[in-house]
Amino acid sequence: MRNLIAALAGLIFGLGLILSGMSNPAKVQGFLDLAGQWDPSLALVMAGAIAAATPLFMLARRRERALLTHEPMSLPTSQRIDRQLLLGSVAFGIGWGLAGICPGPAIVAAGLGKVAILPFLLAMLVGMALHARMTGSRSPQ
């Protein structure tokens, strides 16, 4: 049941990325180009996503178990802004700006057969492996 819920959530998320244009690097670069012909449409996508998710996160924080799977809730509790968070945010932002796409939309684009995205995905996987090796961490299960 858990895998089916995860697959459905991923499908809905991917469809949202496709419909909003976030799987199109040119659209994302237009949003990031504040000095040129800025395209604010992705700001509306983000605002809509925040508006839709906020009440659900507020509800989730009050629950002890997940609604569909009845597993214990495990939402992050730390509000600490540390060096690791700042460096990770900067690295993510630089990568997003250079490639014009972030991991979720890149996976969607690859699924749509956009072969040009494969070097980005390969670099992302290498970066994830290097991080895991350097920190001794594993990806969340």
N, C-alpha and C. Protein backbone atom coordinates (compact mmCIF):
# COMPACT_ATOMS: atom_id res chain seq x y z
N MET A 1 0.83 -1.20 0.00
CA MET A 1 0.00 0.00 0.00
C MET A 1 0.87 1.26 0.00
N ARG A 2 1.95 1.20 0.81
CA ARG A 2 2.84 2.36 0.92
C ARG A 2 3.46 2.71 -0.44
N ASN A 3 3.90 1.70 -1.20
CA ASN A 3 4.51 1.94 -2.51
C ASN A 3 3.49 2.50 -3.49
N LEU A 4 2.26 2.03 -3.42
CA LEU A 4 1.22 2.55 -4.30
C LEU A 4 0.94 4.02 -4.00
N ILE A 5 0.87 4.38 -2.75
CA ILE A 5 0.66 5.78 -2.35
C ILE A 5 1.83 6.64 -2.82
N ALA A 6 3.06 6.13 -2.64
CA ALA A 6 4.24 6.87 -3.09
C ALA A 6 4.24 7.05 -4.60
N ALA A 7 3.88 6.01 -5.33
CA ALA A 7 3.83 6.10 -6.79
C ALA A 7 2.77 7.10 -7.25
N LEU A 8 1.62 7.06 -6.61
CA LEU A 8 0.56 8.03 -6.97
C LEU A 8 0.97 9.46 -6.66
N ALA A 9 1.60 9.67 -5.50
CA ALA A 9 2.07 11.00 -5.14
C ALA A 9 3.13 11.49 -6.13
N GLY A 10 4.04 10.60 -6.52
CA GLY A 10 5.07 10.96 -7.50
C GLY A 10 4.48 11.28 -8.86
N LEU A 11 3.48 10.51 -9.25
CA LEU A 11 2.81 10.77 -10.53
C LEU A 11 2.11 12.13 -10.53
N ILE A 12 1.41 12.43 -9.46
CA ILE A 12 0.73 13.72 -9.36
C ILE A 12 1.74 14.86 -9.35
N PHE A 13 2.84 14.68 -8.60
CA PHE A 13 3.89 15.69 -8.54
C PHE A 13 4.50 15.90 -9.93
N GLY A 14 4.83 14.81 -10.61
CA GLY A 14 5.41 14.90 -11.95
C GLY A 14 4.48 15.57 -12.94
N LEU A 15 3.20 15.25 -12.88
CA LEU A 15 2.23 15.91 -13.77
C LEU A 15 2.16 17.40 -13.49
N GLY A 16 2.22 17.76 -12.21
CA GLY A 16 2.23 19.17 -11.85
C GLY A 16 3.45 19.89 -12.40
N LEU A 17 4.61 19.23 -12.34
CA LEU A 17 5.83 19.82 -12.89
C LEU A 17 5.73 20.01 -14.40
N ILE A 18 5.15 19.02 -15.08
CA ILE A 18 4.99 19.13 -16.54
C ILE A 18 4.02 20.24 -16.89
N LEU A 19 2.85 20.25 -16.24
CA LEU A 19 1.83 21.26 -16.56
C LEU A 19 2.28 22.68 -16.24
N SER A 20 3.09 22.84 -15.19
CA SER A 20 3.54 24.17 -14.80
C SER A 20 4.72 24.67 -15.62
N GLY A 21 5.37 23.77 -16.36
CA GLY A 21 6.53 24.15 -17.15
C GLY A 21 7.84 24.02 -16.40
N MET A 22 7.80 23.53 -15.16
CA MET A 22 9.03 23.44 -14.37
C MET A 22 9.98 22.35 -14.85
N SER A 23 9.54 21.47 -15.74
CA SER A 23 10.44 20.48 -16.31
C SER A 23 11.12 21.00 -17.57
N ASN A 24 10.87 22.25 -17.91
CA ASN A 24 11.47 22.89 -19.07
C ASN A 24 12.56 23.86 -18.61
N PRO A 25 13.85 23.52 -18.82
CA PRO A 25 14.92 24.40 -18.35
C PRO A 25 14.81 25.84 -18.88
N ALA A 26 14.34 26.03 -20.10
CA ALA A 26 14.22 27.39 -20.64
C ALA A 26 13.21 28.21 -19.84
N LYS A 27 12.15 27.59 -19.40
CA LYS A 27 11.14 28.27 -18.58
C LYS A 27 11.73 28.65 -17.22
N VAL A 28 12.48 27.73 -16.63
CA VAL A 28 13.09 27.99 -15.32
C VAL A 28 14.14 29.09 -15.44
N GLN A 29 14.97 29.04 -16.49
CA GLN A 29 15.98 30.08 -16.68
C GLN A 29 15.32 31.44 -16.91
N GLY A 30 14.17 31.46 -17.57
CA GLY A 30 13.43 32.72 -17.73
C GLY A 30 12.97 33.27 -16.39
N PHE A 31 12.62 32.38 -15.47
CA PHE A 31 12.23 32.80 -14.13
C PHE A 31 13.43 33.34 -13.34
N LEU A 32 14.59 32.71 -13.53
CA LEU A 32 15.79 33.10 -12.80
C LEU A 32 16.48 34.33 -13.39
N ASP A 33 16.10 34.72 -14.61
CA ASP A 33 16.75 35.85 -15.30
C ASP A 33 16.10 37.17 -14.89
N LEU A 34 16.46 37.65 -13.71
CA LEU A 34 15.86 38.89 -13.20
C LEU A 34 16.32 40.13 -13.97
N ALA A 35 17.50 40.07 -14.57
CA ALA A 35 18.03 41.23 -15.28
C ALA A 35 17.58 41.28 -16.74
N GLY A 36 17.03 40.20 -17.25
CA GLY A 36 16.61 40.14 -18.66
C GLY A 36 15.09 40.14 -18.77
N GLN A 37 14.58 39.24 -19.58
CA GLN A 37 13.13 39.12 -19.76
C GLN A 37 12.60 38.13 -18.74
N TRP A 38 12.34 38.66 -17.55
CA TRP A 38 11.92 37.83 -16.43
C TRP A 38 10.53 37.25 -16.68
N ASP A 39 10.37 35.96 -16.43
CA ASP A 39 9.08 35.27 -16.56
C ASP A 39 8.59 34.91 -15.15
N PRO A 40 7.64 35.68 -14.61
CA PRO A 40 7.19 35.46 -13.23
C PRO A 40 6.23 34.30 -13.04
N SER A 41 5.89 33.58 -14.10
CA SER A 41 4.85 32.55 -13.99
C SER A 41 5.18 31.45 -12.98
N LEU A 42 6.46 31.11 -12.85
CA LEU A 42 6.81 30.06 -11.89
C LEU A 42 6.64 30.53 -10.45
N ALA A 43 6.69 31.84 -10.22
CA ALA A 43 6.41 32.36 -8.87
C ALA A 43 4.96 32.05 -8.51
N LEU A 44 4.08 32.13 -9.47
CA LEU A 44 2.67 31.79 -9.22
C LEU A 44 2.51 30.30 -8.94
N VAL A 45 3.30 29.48 -9.64
CA VAL A 45 3.27 28.04 -9.39
C VAL A 45 3.71 27.76 -7.95
N MET A 46 4.81 28.40 -7.55
CA MET A 46 5.32 28.20 -6.19
C MET A 46 4.31 28.70 -5.15
N ALA A 47 3.72 29.85 -5.40
CA ALA A 47 2.73 30.40 -4.46
C ALA A 47 1.53 29.45 -4.35
N GLY A 48 1.10 28.90 -5.47
CA GLY A 48 0.00 27.95 -5.44
C GLY A 48 0.34 26.68 -4.69
N ALA A 49 1.57 26.19 -4.87
CA ALA A 49 2.01 24.99 -4.16
C ALA A 49 2.08 25.24 -2.66
N ILE A 50 2.60 26.40 -2.27
CA ILE A 50 2.69 26.74 -0.85
C ILE A 50 1.28 26.87 -0.26
N ALA A 51 0.39 27.53 -0.99
CA ALA A 51 -0.98 27.70 -0.49
C ALA A 51 -1.70 26.36 -0.33
N ALA A 52 -1.43 25.43 -1.24
CA ALA A 52 -2.09 24.13 -1.16
C ALA A 52 -1.47 23.26 -0.06
N ALA A 53 -0.15 23.34 0.12
CA ALA A 53 0.53 22.46 1.07
C ALA A 53 0.47 22.93 2.51
N THR A 54 0.43 24.23 2.74
CA THR A 54 0.50 24.76 4.10
C THR A 54 -0.58 24.20 5.02
N PRO A 55 -1.85 24.24 4.62
CA PRO A 55 -2.86 23.68 5.54
C PRO A 55 -2.66 22.19 5.81
N LEU A 56 -2.17 21.46 4.81
CA LEU A 56 -1.94 20.02 5.00
C LEU A 56 -0.77 19.77 5.95
N PHE A 57 0.28 20.58 5.87
CA PHE A 57 1.39 20.44 6.82
C PHE A 57 0.95 20.81 8.22
N MET A 58 0.10 21.83 8.34
CA MET A 58 -0.41 22.21 9.66
C MET A 58 -1.21 21.06 10.27
N LEU A 59 -2.01 20.41 9.43
CA LEU A 59 -2.78 19.25 9.89
C LEU A 59 -1.85 18.09 10.26
N ALA A 60 -0.84 17.87 9.43
CA ALA A 60 0.09 16.76 9.67
C ALA A 60 0.84 16.93 10.98
N ARG A 61 1.18 18.16 11.33
CA ARG A 61 1.92 18.41 12.58
C ARG A 61 1.11 18.01 13.80
N ARG A 62 -0.21 17.99 13.69
CA ARG A 62 -1.06 17.64 14.84
C ARG A 62 -1.36 16.15 14.92
N ARG A 63 -0.99 15.42 13.88
CA ARG A 63 -1.31 13.99 13.85
C ARG A 63 -0.12 13.16 14.35
N GLU A 64 -0.42 12.02 14.94
CA GLU A 64 0.63 11.10 15.37
C GLU A 64 0.94 10.08 14.29
N ARG A 65 -0.04 9.84 13.43
CA ARG A 65 0.14 8.82 12.38
C ARG A 65 -0.29 9.39 11.03
N ALA A 66 0.34 8.87 9.96
CA ALA A 66 -0.01 9.28 8.60
C ALA A 66 -1.43 8.83 8.28
N LEU A 67 -2.12 9.64 7.52
CA LEU A 67 -3.53 9.41 7.26
C LEU A 67 -3.79 8.10 6.50
N LEU A 68 -3.06 7.86 5.41
CA LEU A 68 -3.34 6.69 4.59
C LEU A 68 -2.61 5.44 5.02
N THR A 69 -1.39 5.56 5.49
CA THR A 69 -0.60 4.37 5.83
C THR A 69 -0.61 4.05 7.31
N HIS A 70 -1.04 4.99 8.12
CA HIS A 70 -1.10 4.85 9.58
C HIS A 70 0.29 4.64 10.21
N GLU A 71 1.34 5.01 9.47
CA GLU A 71 2.70 4.94 10.01
C GLU A 71 2.92 6.16 10.90
N PRO A 72 3.86 6.05 11.85
CA PRO A 72 4.15 7.23 12.69
C PRO A 72 4.64 8.40 11.83
N MET A 73 4.19 9.60 12.17
CA MET A 73 4.63 10.80 11.46
C MET A 73 6.08 11.08 11.81
N SER A 74 6.85 11.54 10.86
CA SER A 74 8.25 11.87 11.11
C SER A 74 8.61 13.16 10.38
N LEU A 75 8.00 14.25 10.81
CA LEU A 75 8.30 15.55 10.23
C LEU A 75 9.54 16.13 10.89
N PRO A 76 10.34 16.90 10.14
CA PRO A 76 11.53 17.50 10.75
C PRO A 76 11.16 18.45 11.88
N THR A 77 11.98 18.46 12.90
CA THR A 77 11.70 19.33 14.05
C THR A 77 12.75 20.43 14.21
N SER A 78 13.92 20.25 13.62
CA SER A 78 15.00 21.22 13.78
C SER A 78 14.69 22.51 13.03
N GLN A 79 14.94 23.63 13.69
CA GLN A 79 14.81 24.94 13.06
C GLN A 79 16.15 25.65 13.02
N ARG A 80 17.20 24.88 13.27
CA ARG A 80 18.56 25.43 13.33
C ARG A 80 19.10 25.70 11.93
N ILE A 81 19.65 26.87 11.72
CA ILE A 81 20.31 27.21 10.46
C ILE A 81 21.81 27.12 10.72
N ASP A 82 22.43 26.07 10.18
CA ASP A 82 23.85 25.85 10.43
C ASP A 82 24.65 25.94 9.13
N ARG A 83 25.93 25.75 9.25
CA ARG A 83 26.84 25.85 8.11
C ARG A 83 26.47 24.85 7.01
N GLN A 84 26.16 23.62 7.40
CA GLN A 84 25.83 22.57 6.44
C GLN A 84 24.57 22.95 5.64
N LEU A 85 23.56 23.48 6.30
CA LEU A 85 22.35 23.90 5.61
C LEU A 85 22.64 25.05 4.64
N LEU A 86 23.41 26.03 5.09
CA LEU A 86 23.73 27.17 4.24
C LEU A 86 24.55 26.74 3.02
N LEU A 87 25.58 25.91 3.23
CA LEU A 87 26.39 25.45 2.10
C LEU A 87 25.57 24.61 1.12
N GLY A 88 24.72 23.76 1.65
CA GLY A 88 23.86 22.96 0.78
C GLY A 88 22.90 23.81 -0.02
N SER A 89 22.36 24.84 0.61
CA SER A 89 21.44 25.75 -0.09
C SER A 89 22.15 26.50 -1.20
N VAL A 90 23.37 26.96 -0.92
CA VAL A 90 24.15 27.68 -1.93
C VAL A 90 24.49 26.74 -3.10
N ALA A 91 24.93 25.53 -2.79
CA ALA A 91 25.26 24.57 -3.84
C ALA A 91 24.03 24.25 -4.69
N PHE A 92 22.89 24.05 -4.05
CA PHE A 92 21.65 23.77 -4.78
C PHE A 92 21.30 24.95 -5.68
N GLY A 93 21.38 26.16 -5.15
CA GLY A 93 21.04 27.35 -5.93
C GLY A 93 21.97 27.55 -7.12
N ILE A 94 23.26 27.32 -6.92
CA ILE A 94 24.22 27.45 -8.02
C ILE A 94 23.91 26.41 -9.10
N GLY A 95 23.67 25.18 -8.67
CA GLY A 95 23.33 24.13 -9.63
C GLY A 95 22.05 24.43 -10.38
N TRP A 96 21.06 24.93 -9.68
CA TRP A 96 19.77 25.28 -10.30
C TRP A 96 19.98 26.39 -11.32
N GLY A 97 20.76 27.40 -10.94
CA GLY A 97 21.01 28.52 -11.84
C GLY A 97 21.81 28.11 -13.07
N LEU A 98 22.81 27.25 -12.88
CA LEU A 98 23.64 26.82 -14.01
C LEU A 98 22.88 25.89 -14.96
N ALA A 99 22.17 24.94 -14.39
CA ALA A 99 21.47 23.95 -15.21
C ALA A 99 20.08 24.40 -15.63
N GLY A 100 19.50 25.31 -14.85
CA GLY A 100 18.14 25.76 -15.14
C GLY A 100 17.08 24.75 -14.74
N ILE A 101 17.47 23.80 -13.91
CA ILE A 101 16.52 22.77 -13.51
C ILE A 101 16.99 22.17 -12.18
N CYS A 102 16.04 21.71 -11.38
CA CYS A 102 16.41 21.07 -10.13
C CYS A 102 16.05 19.58 -10.21
N PRO A 103 16.42 18.79 -9.21
CA PRO A 103 16.32 17.33 -9.32
C PRO A 103 14.95 16.77 -9.71
N GLY A 104 13.89 17.21 -9.06
CA GLY A 104 12.57 16.66 -9.38
C GLY A 104 12.19 16.85 -10.84
N PRO A 105 12.20 18.08 -11.33
CA PRO A 105 11.90 18.30 -12.74
C PRO A 105 12.87 17.60 -13.69
N ALA A 106 14.14 17.43 -13.28
CA ALA A 106 15.10 16.74 -14.13
C ALA A 106 14.70 15.27 -14.32
N ILE A 107 14.24 14.65 -13.24
CA ILE A 107 13.81 13.26 -13.34
C ILE A 107 12.58 13.16 -14.23
N VAL A 108 11.67 14.12 -14.10
CA VAL A 108 10.48 14.15 -14.97
C VAL A 108 10.90 14.32 -16.43
N ALA A 109 11.82 15.25 -16.69
CA ALA A 109 12.29 15.49 -18.06
C ALA A 109 12.92 14.23 -18.64
N ALA A 110 13.71 13.52 -17.85
CA ALA A 110 14.32 12.27 -18.32
C ALA A 110 13.23 11.24 -18.65
N GLY A 111 12.21 11.19 -17.80
CA GLY A 111 11.09 10.28 -18.05
C GLY A 111 10.33 10.63 -19.31
N LEU A 112 10.38 11.90 -19.70
CA LEU A 112 9.73 12.34 -20.94
C LEU A 112 10.62 12.10 -22.16
N GLY A 113 11.82 11.54 -21.93
CA GLY A 113 12.71 11.23 -23.03
C GLY A 113 13.64 12.36 -23.44
N LYS A 114 13.79 13.38 -22.61
CA LYS A 114 14.69 14.49 -22.91
C LYS A 114 16.12 14.07 -22.56
N VAL A 115 16.82 13.57 -23.54
CA VAL A 115 18.16 13.00 -23.35
C VAL A 115 19.16 14.05 -22.89
N ALA A 116 18.96 15.31 -23.24
CA ALA A 116 19.91 16.37 -22.87
C ALA A 116 20.04 16.54 -21.36
N ILE A 117 19.08 16.02 -20.60
CA ILE A 117 19.10 16.18 -19.15
C ILE A 117 19.97 15.11 -18.48
N LEU A 118 20.36 14.08 -19.21
CA LEU A 118 21.10 12.97 -18.61
C LEU A 118 22.44 13.37 -17.99
N PRO A 119 23.24 14.27 -18.59
CA PRO A 119 24.48 14.69 -17.90
C PRO A 119 24.19 15.33 -16.54
N PHE A 120 23.12 16.11 -16.45
CA PHE A 120 22.75 16.71 -15.16
C PHE A 120 22.43 15.62 -14.15
N LEU A 121 21.62 14.64 -14.56
CA LEU A 121 21.25 13.56 -13.63
C LEU A 121 22.47 12.76 -13.20
N LEU A 122 23.39 12.49 -14.13
CA LEU A 122 24.60 11.77 -13.79
C LEU A 122 25.43 12.56 -12.78
N ALA A 123 25.59 13.87 -13.04
CA ALA A 123 26.35 14.72 -12.10
C ALA A 123 25.66 14.76 -10.74
N MET A 124 24.33 14.80 -10.72
CA MET A 124 23.60 14.81 -9.46
C MET A 124 23.84 13.52 -8.68
N LEU A 125 23.79 12.38 -9.36
CA LEU A 125 24.01 11.10 -8.69
C LEU A 125 25.44 10.98 -8.17
N VAL A 126 26.42 11.49 -8.95
CA VAL A 126 27.81 11.47 -8.49
C VAL A 126 27.95 12.35 -7.25
N GLY A 127 27.32 13.53 -7.27
CA GLY A 127 27.35 14.42 -6.11
C GLY A 127 26.72 13.79 -4.88
N MET A 128 25.62 13.09 -5.07
CA MET A 128 24.96 12.42 -3.94
C MET A 128 25.87 11.31 -3.38
N ALA A 129 26.52 10.56 -4.27
CA ALA A 129 27.42 9.49 -3.82
C ALA A 129 28.62 10.08 -3.08
N LEU A 130 29.17 11.17 -3.59
CA LEU A 130 30.30 11.82 -2.91
C LEU A 130 29.89 12.32 -1.53
N HIS A 131 28.72 12.91 -1.44
CA HIS A 131 28.23 13.39 -0.14
C HIS A 131 28.10 12.23 0.84
N ALA A 132 27.50 11.15 0.39
CA ALA A 132 27.31 9.99 1.26
C ALA A 132 28.65 9.44 1.72
N ARG A 133 29.62 9.40 0.81
CA ARG A 133 30.94 8.87 1.16
C ARG A 133 31.66 9.81 2.13
N MET A 134 31.56 11.12 1.89
CA MET A 134 32.28 12.09 2.73
C MET A 134 31.68 12.20 4.13
N THR A 135 30.36 12.04 4.23
CA THR A 135 29.70 12.21 5.52
C THR A 135 29.37 10.89 6.20
N GLY A 136 29.52 9.80 5.47
CA GLY A 136 29.18 8.50 6.03
C GLY A 136 27.68 8.31 6.20
N SER A 137 26.91 9.14 5.51
CA SER A 137 25.45 9.06 5.64
C SER A 137 24.87 8.18 4.55
N ARG A 138 23.65 7.76 4.79
CA ARG A 138 22.90 6.98 3.80
C ARG A 138 21.67 7.77 3.43
N SER A 139 21.12 7.46 2.26
CA SER A 139 19.89 8.13 1.86
C SER A 139 18.75 7.65 2.74
N PRO A 140 17.73 8.51 2.99
CA PRO A 140 16.61 8.10 3.83
C PRO A 140 15.82 6.98 3.19
N GLN A 141 15.31 6.10 4.02
CA GLN A 141 14.53 4.95 3.52
C GLN A 141 13.08 5.31 3.42
